[in-house]
N, C-alpha and C. Protein backbone atom coordinates (compact mmCIF):
# COMPACT_ATOMS: atom_id res chain seq x y z
N MET A 1 146.35 -50.86 -21.40
CA MET A 1 147.14 -52.01 -21.57
C MET A 1 148.34 -51.87 -22.59
N LEU A 2 148.04 -51.12 -23.70
CA LEU A 2 149.13 -50.93 -24.57
C LEU A 2 150.29 -50.18 -23.75
N TYR A 3 150.06 -49.12 -23.03
CA TYR A 3 150.72 -48.27 -22.33
C TYR A 3 151.79 -49.11 -21.49
N LYS A 4 151.27 -49.93 -20.71
CA LYS A 4 151.93 -50.90 -19.93
C LYS A 4 152.85 -51.78 -20.61
N CYS A 5 152.48 -52.35 -21.92
CA CYS A 5 153.24 -53.03 -22.71
C CYS A 5 154.51 -52.34 -23.31
N PHE A 6 154.24 -51.03 -23.62
CA PHE A 6 155.25 -50.08 -24.20
C PHE A 6 156.25 -49.89 -23.06
N ASN A 7 155.85 -49.61 -21.79
CA ASN A 7 156.75 -49.36 -20.74
C ASN A 7 157.66 -50.57 -20.48
N GLN A 8 157.00 -51.84 -20.59
CA GLN A 8 157.87 -53.01 -20.34
C GLN A 8 158.86 -53.31 -21.47
N THR A 9 158.49 -53.03 -22.55
CA THR A 9 159.44 -53.10 -23.70
C THR A 9 160.40 -52.12 -23.59
N LEU A 10 160.09 -50.89 -23.30
CA LEU A 10 161.18 -49.89 -23.02
C LEU A 10 162.28 -50.32 -21.97
N LEU A 11 161.63 -50.82 -20.91
CA LEU A 11 162.48 -51.14 -19.67
C LEU A 11 163.26 -52.32 -20.17
N LEU A 12 162.94 -53.22 -20.90
CA LEU A 12 163.63 -54.45 -21.35
C LEU A 12 164.78 -53.80 -22.32
N ALA A 13 164.46 -53.01 -23.14
CA ALA A 13 165.47 -52.41 -24.11
C ALA A 13 166.64 -51.73 -23.25
N VAL A 14 166.24 -50.90 -22.28
CA VAL A 14 167.24 -50.14 -21.40
C VAL A 14 168.11 -51.15 -20.64
N PHE A 15 167.47 -52.18 -20.07
CA PHE A 15 168.12 -53.19 -19.30
C PHE A 15 169.16 -54.02 -20.12
N HIS A 16 168.69 -54.20 -21.45
CA HIS A 16 169.45 -55.09 -22.34
C HIS A 16 170.66 -54.32 -22.76
N GLU A 17 170.49 -53.02 -22.85
CA GLU A 17 171.56 -52.15 -23.27
C GLU A 17 172.62 -51.98 -22.17
N ILE A 18 172.10 -51.78 -20.94
CA ILE A 18 173.15 -51.56 -19.92
C ILE A 18 173.69 -52.93 -19.26
N ILE A 19 172.80 -53.93 -19.05
CA ILE A 19 173.40 -54.98 -18.52
C ILE A 19 173.88 -56.04 -19.47
N GLY A 20 173.37 -56.06 -20.66
CA GLY A 20 173.81 -56.89 -21.73
C GLY A 20 173.37 -58.30 -21.85
N PHE A 21 172.20 -58.64 -21.51
CA PHE A 21 171.72 -59.84 -21.44
C PHE A 21 171.64 -60.45 -22.79
N ASP A 22 172.09 -61.66 -23.18
CA ASP A 22 172.10 -62.18 -24.54
C ASP A 22 170.62 -62.56 -25.01
N SER A 23 169.89 -63.11 -24.01
CA SER A 23 168.54 -63.44 -24.53
C SER A 23 167.49 -62.69 -23.67
N TRP A 24 166.46 -62.22 -24.29
CA TRP A 24 165.42 -61.46 -23.89
C TRP A 24 164.60 -62.34 -22.90
N ASP A 25 164.48 -63.71 -23.28
CA ASP A 25 163.72 -64.58 -22.48
C ASP A 25 164.26 -64.84 -21.16
N VAL A 26 165.64 -64.90 -21.04
CA VAL A 26 166.21 -65.05 -19.68
C VAL A 26 166.12 -63.89 -18.92
N PHE A 27 166.21 -62.57 -19.49
CA PHE A 27 165.91 -61.47 -18.89
C PHE A 27 164.47 -61.25 -18.43
N ARG A 28 163.48 -61.63 -19.19
CA ARG A 28 162.12 -61.70 -18.83
C ARG A 28 161.78 -62.51 -17.66
N ARG A 29 162.29 -63.78 -17.62
CA ARG A 29 162.26 -64.64 -16.43
C ARG A 29 162.81 -64.24 -15.29
N CYS A 30 164.06 -63.54 -15.37
CA CYS A 30 164.52 -63.05 -14.11
C CYS A 30 163.74 -61.83 -13.62
N LEU A 31 163.31 -61.00 -14.70
CA LEU A 31 162.37 -59.78 -14.01
C LEU A 31 160.95 -60.35 -13.53
N CYS A 32 160.41 -61.20 -14.25
CA CYS A 32 159.03 -61.64 -13.75
C CYS A 32 159.12 -62.44 -12.48
N SER A 33 160.15 -63.28 -12.18
CA SER A 33 160.36 -63.99 -11.03
C SER A 33 160.83 -63.30 -9.82
N GLY A 34 161.23 -62.00 -10.06
CA GLY A 34 161.61 -61.12 -9.02
C GLY A 34 162.98 -61.36 -8.41
N MET A 35 163.77 -62.12 -9.43
CA MET A 35 165.17 -62.49 -9.02
C MET A 35 166.00 -61.14 -8.93
N GLU A 36 166.69 -61.09 -7.81
CA GLU A 36 167.65 -60.07 -7.71
C GLU A 36 168.77 -60.12 -8.51
N PHE A 37 169.42 -59.08 -9.01
CA PHE A 37 170.67 -59.14 -9.82
C PHE A 37 171.84 -59.09 -8.83
N GLN A 38 172.91 -59.93 -8.92
CA GLN A 38 174.04 -59.67 -8.25
C GLN A 38 175.01 -59.12 -9.04
N ILE A 39 175.40 -57.86 -8.82
CA ILE A 39 176.46 -56.96 -9.70
C ILE A 39 177.37 -56.62 -8.78
N ASP A 40 178.58 -56.90 -9.20
CA ASP A 40 179.85 -56.61 -8.53
C ASP A 40 179.89 -55.06 -8.55
N PRO A 41 180.61 -54.50 -7.68
CA PRO A 41 180.95 -53.08 -7.60
C PRO A 41 181.41 -52.38 -8.73
N GLU A 42 182.46 -53.07 -9.38
CA GLU A 42 182.94 -52.55 -10.58
C GLU A 42 182.01 -52.54 -11.69
N GLU A 43 181.25 -53.53 -11.94
CA GLU A 43 180.32 -53.53 -12.94
C GLU A 43 179.17 -52.35 -12.57
N GLU A 44 178.88 -52.19 -11.38
CA GLU A 44 177.87 -51.21 -10.92
C GLU A 44 178.36 -49.92 -11.39
N ARG A 45 179.74 -49.52 -11.07
CA ARG A 45 180.46 -48.47 -11.51
C ARG A 45 180.38 -48.09 -12.90
N LYS A 46 180.58 -49.07 -13.69
CA LYS A 46 180.57 -48.99 -15.27
C LYS A 46 179.19 -48.55 -15.70
N ILE A 47 178.18 -49.31 -15.08
CA ILE A 47 176.83 -48.91 -15.34
C ILE A 47 176.52 -47.49 -15.09
N LEU A 48 176.83 -47.08 -13.86
CA LEU A 48 176.55 -45.68 -13.45
C LEU A 48 177.37 -44.76 -14.35
N VAL A 49 178.60 -44.91 -14.76
CA VAL A 49 179.24 -44.07 -15.70
C VAL A 49 178.46 -44.04 -17.06
N LYS A 50 178.00 -45.17 -17.55
CA LYS A 50 177.17 -45.27 -18.82
C LYS A 50 176.05 -44.42 -18.67
N GLU A 51 175.34 -44.59 -17.46
CA GLU A 51 174.11 -43.76 -17.25
C GLU A 51 174.33 -42.31 -17.39
N LYS A 52 175.32 -41.89 -16.63
CA LYS A 52 175.86 -40.39 -16.50
C LYS A 52 176.11 -39.85 -17.68
N LYS A 53 176.82 -40.67 -18.57
CA LYS A 53 177.10 -40.11 -19.94
C LYS A 53 176.08 -40.06 -20.87
N ALA A 54 175.03 -41.02 -20.81
CA ALA A 54 173.83 -40.98 -21.49
C ALA A 54 173.05 -39.82 -21.19
N SER A 55 172.96 -39.51 -19.90
CA SER A 55 172.25 -38.33 -19.24
C SER A 55 172.96 -37.13 -19.80
N PHE A 56 174.10 -37.04 -19.77
CA PHE A 56 174.82 -35.88 -20.27
C PHE A 56 174.58 -35.60 -21.76
N GLU A 57 174.70 -36.67 -22.49
CA GLU A 57 174.39 -36.54 -23.88
C GLU A 57 172.99 -36.24 -24.36
N ASN A 58 172.02 -36.67 -23.50
CA ASN A 58 170.70 -36.37 -23.72
C ASN A 58 170.43 -34.94 -23.23
N PHE A 59 171.15 -34.39 -22.24
CA PHE A 59 170.91 -33.00 -21.96
C PHE A 59 171.56 -32.15 -22.98
N ASN A 60 172.67 -32.42 -23.42
CA ASN A 60 173.27 -31.71 -24.59
C ASN A 60 172.39 -31.55 -25.82
N THR A 61 171.87 -32.91 -26.12
CA THR A 61 171.00 -32.91 -27.37
C THR A 61 169.60 -32.09 -27.12
N THR A 62 169.09 -32.21 -25.98
CA THR A 62 168.01 -31.37 -25.66
C THR A 62 168.23 -29.87 -25.65
N LEU A 63 169.26 -29.44 -25.12
CA LEU A 63 169.87 -28.04 -25.25
C LEU A 63 170.00 -27.55 -26.62
N LYS A 64 170.56 -28.33 -27.38
CA LYS A 64 170.79 -27.97 -28.83
C LYS A 64 169.49 -27.84 -29.51
N TRP A 65 168.60 -28.86 -29.30
CA TRP A 65 167.38 -28.78 -29.89
C TRP A 65 166.56 -27.45 -29.57
N HIS A 66 166.54 -27.17 -28.26
CA HIS A 66 165.73 -26.14 -27.74
C HIS A 66 166.36 -24.65 -28.35
N THR A 67 167.81 -24.73 -28.45
CA THR A 67 168.40 -23.54 -29.19
C THR A 67 168.01 -23.32 -30.49
N LEU A 68 167.96 -24.45 -31.25
CA LEU A 68 167.70 -24.35 -32.63
C LEU A 68 166.15 -23.83 -32.66
N VAL A 69 165.39 -24.36 -31.82
CA VAL A 69 163.87 -24.04 -31.98
C VAL A 69 163.72 -22.45 -31.62
N LEU A 70 164.44 -22.10 -30.85
CA LEU A 70 164.30 -20.53 -30.48
C LEU A 70 164.81 -19.70 -31.48
N GLN A 71 165.98 -20.21 -32.04
CA GLN A 71 166.65 -19.36 -33.15
C GLN A 71 165.57 -19.31 -34.30
N LYS A 72 165.04 -20.43 -34.62
CA LYS A 72 164.00 -20.53 -35.69
C LYS A 72 162.74 -19.57 -35.47
N ARG A 73 162.43 -19.47 -34.24
CA ARG A 73 161.26 -18.62 -33.73
C ARG A 73 161.66 -17.30 -33.90
N ASP A 74 162.81 -16.79 -33.49
CA ASP A 74 163.27 -15.43 -33.72
C ASP A 74 163.54 -15.17 -35.18
N LEU A 75 164.01 -16.06 -36.02
CA LEU A 75 164.07 -15.78 -37.41
C LEU A 75 162.79 -15.54 -38.14
N MET A 76 161.71 -16.37 -37.66
CA MET A 76 160.39 -16.27 -38.16
C MET A 76 159.64 -14.84 -37.69
N ARG A 77 159.92 -14.61 -36.57
CA ARG A 77 159.36 -13.23 -35.96
C ARG A 77 159.89 -12.18 -36.70
N LYS A 78 161.35 -12.26 -37.08
CA LYS A 78 161.93 -11.11 -37.79
C LYS A 78 161.47 -11.16 -39.28
N LYS A 79 161.36 -12.11 -39.82
CA LYS A 79 160.89 -12.19 -41.35
C LYS A 79 159.42 -11.83 -41.19
N ALA A 80 158.68 -12.00 -40.30
CA ALA A 80 157.32 -11.56 -40.27
C ALA A 80 157.19 -10.02 -40.03
N GLU A 81 157.98 -9.57 -39.21
CA GLU A 81 158.13 -8.09 -39.05
C GLU A 81 158.49 -7.37 -40.21
N GLU A 82 159.54 -7.93 -40.78
CA GLU A 82 159.94 -7.25 -42.19
C GLU A 82 158.83 -7.21 -43.30
N GLU A 83 158.18 -8.37 -43.23
CA GLU A 83 157.13 -8.52 -44.35
C GLU A 83 156.03 -7.41 -44.01
N LYS A 84 155.72 -7.44 -42.60
CA LYS A 84 154.64 -6.41 -42.18
C LYS A 84 155.18 -4.94 -42.54
N LYS A 85 156.46 -4.58 -42.36
CA LYS A 85 156.96 -3.19 -42.74
C LYS A 85 156.79 -2.99 -44.21
N ASN A 86 157.15 -4.13 -45.05
CA ASN A 86 157.04 -4.01 -46.48
C ASN A 86 155.60 -3.79 -46.84
N VAL A 87 154.64 -4.43 -46.25
CA VAL A 87 153.34 -4.23 -46.76
C VAL A 87 152.83 -2.89 -46.37
N ILE A 88 153.09 -2.44 -45.11
CA ILE A 88 152.75 -1.09 -44.78
C ILE A 88 153.31 -0.05 -45.56
N GLY A 89 154.68 -0.21 -46.11
CA GLY A 89 155.30 0.65 -46.75
C GLY A 89 154.66 0.81 -48.32
N GLN A 90 154.31 -0.46 -48.68
CA GLN A 90 153.58 -0.49 -50.24
C GLN A 90 152.23 0.14 -49.96
N LEU A 91 151.60 0.07 -48.88
CA LEU A 91 150.21 0.67 -48.85
C LEU A 91 150.54 2.10 -48.69
N LEU A 92 151.32 2.60 -47.94
CA LEU A 92 151.58 4.15 -47.86
C LEU A 92 151.99 4.57 -49.16
N ALA A 93 153.01 3.89 -49.86
CA ALA A 93 153.44 4.52 -51.17
C ALA A 93 152.36 4.42 -52.13
N SER A 94 151.36 3.60 -52.09
CA SER A 94 150.17 3.70 -53.08
C SER A 94 149.30 4.89 -52.82
N ARG A 95 149.47 5.51 -51.58
CA ARG A 95 148.70 6.68 -51.38
C ARG A 95 149.58 7.88 -51.36
N GLY A 96 150.87 7.64 -51.68
CA GLY A 96 151.74 8.81 -51.89
C GLY A 96 152.40 9.41 -50.56
N LEU A 97 152.32 8.50 -49.55
CA LEU A 97 152.99 8.73 -48.23
C LEU A 97 154.21 8.00 -48.16
N GLU A 98 154.96 8.28 -47.14
CA GLU A 98 156.19 7.71 -46.64
C GLU A 98 156.20 7.15 -45.42
N LEU A 99 156.79 5.90 -45.18
CA LEU A 99 156.95 5.45 -43.80
C LEU A 99 158.26 6.11 -43.01
N GLU A 100 157.86 6.55 -41.81
CA GLU A 100 159.05 7.10 -41.03
C GLU A 100 160.16 6.10 -40.77
N THR A 101 161.32 6.48 -40.84
CA THR A 101 162.54 5.65 -40.53
C THR A 101 163.24 6.00 -39.28
N ASP A 102 164.14 5.16 -38.65
CA ASP A 102 164.73 5.59 -37.50
C ASP A 102 165.76 6.64 -37.75
N ASP A 103 166.27 6.88 -38.88
CA ASP A 103 167.21 8.09 -39.37
C ASP A 103 166.52 9.29 -39.21
N ASP A 104 165.19 9.40 -39.41
CA ASP A 104 164.54 10.69 -39.30
C ASP A 104 164.39 11.22 -37.86
N GLU A 105 164.26 10.15 -36.97
CA GLU A 105 164.20 10.55 -35.47
C GLU A 105 165.55 11.04 -35.00
N ALA A 106 166.62 10.53 -35.51
CA ALA A 106 168.01 10.86 -34.97
C ALA A 106 168.36 12.38 -35.34
N VAL A 107 167.74 12.88 -36.41
CA VAL A 107 167.99 14.33 -36.83
C VAL A 107 167.34 15.20 -36.10
């Protein structure tokens, strides 16, 4: 029941933003009575432009978010790898050994 209530509230908020009803009660009555909205083509075009812009902004925001998450993951992996190498180097140094480096392989 809570889920249905949340969806209705979300739907009301979206339509309030797009169509611009001044009163929530008027909108609820229209929605509940099944009254169809008569929207002129110009208003419909404006609504579609708003929806397209909102969709584009949502896509960009999501893309930025995922990019940041992937960058953070890569940094954390790199940091963990460096810490692992440091610990291994310390353990080898405590036994009097040395960790091979990439420079040794090139010679």
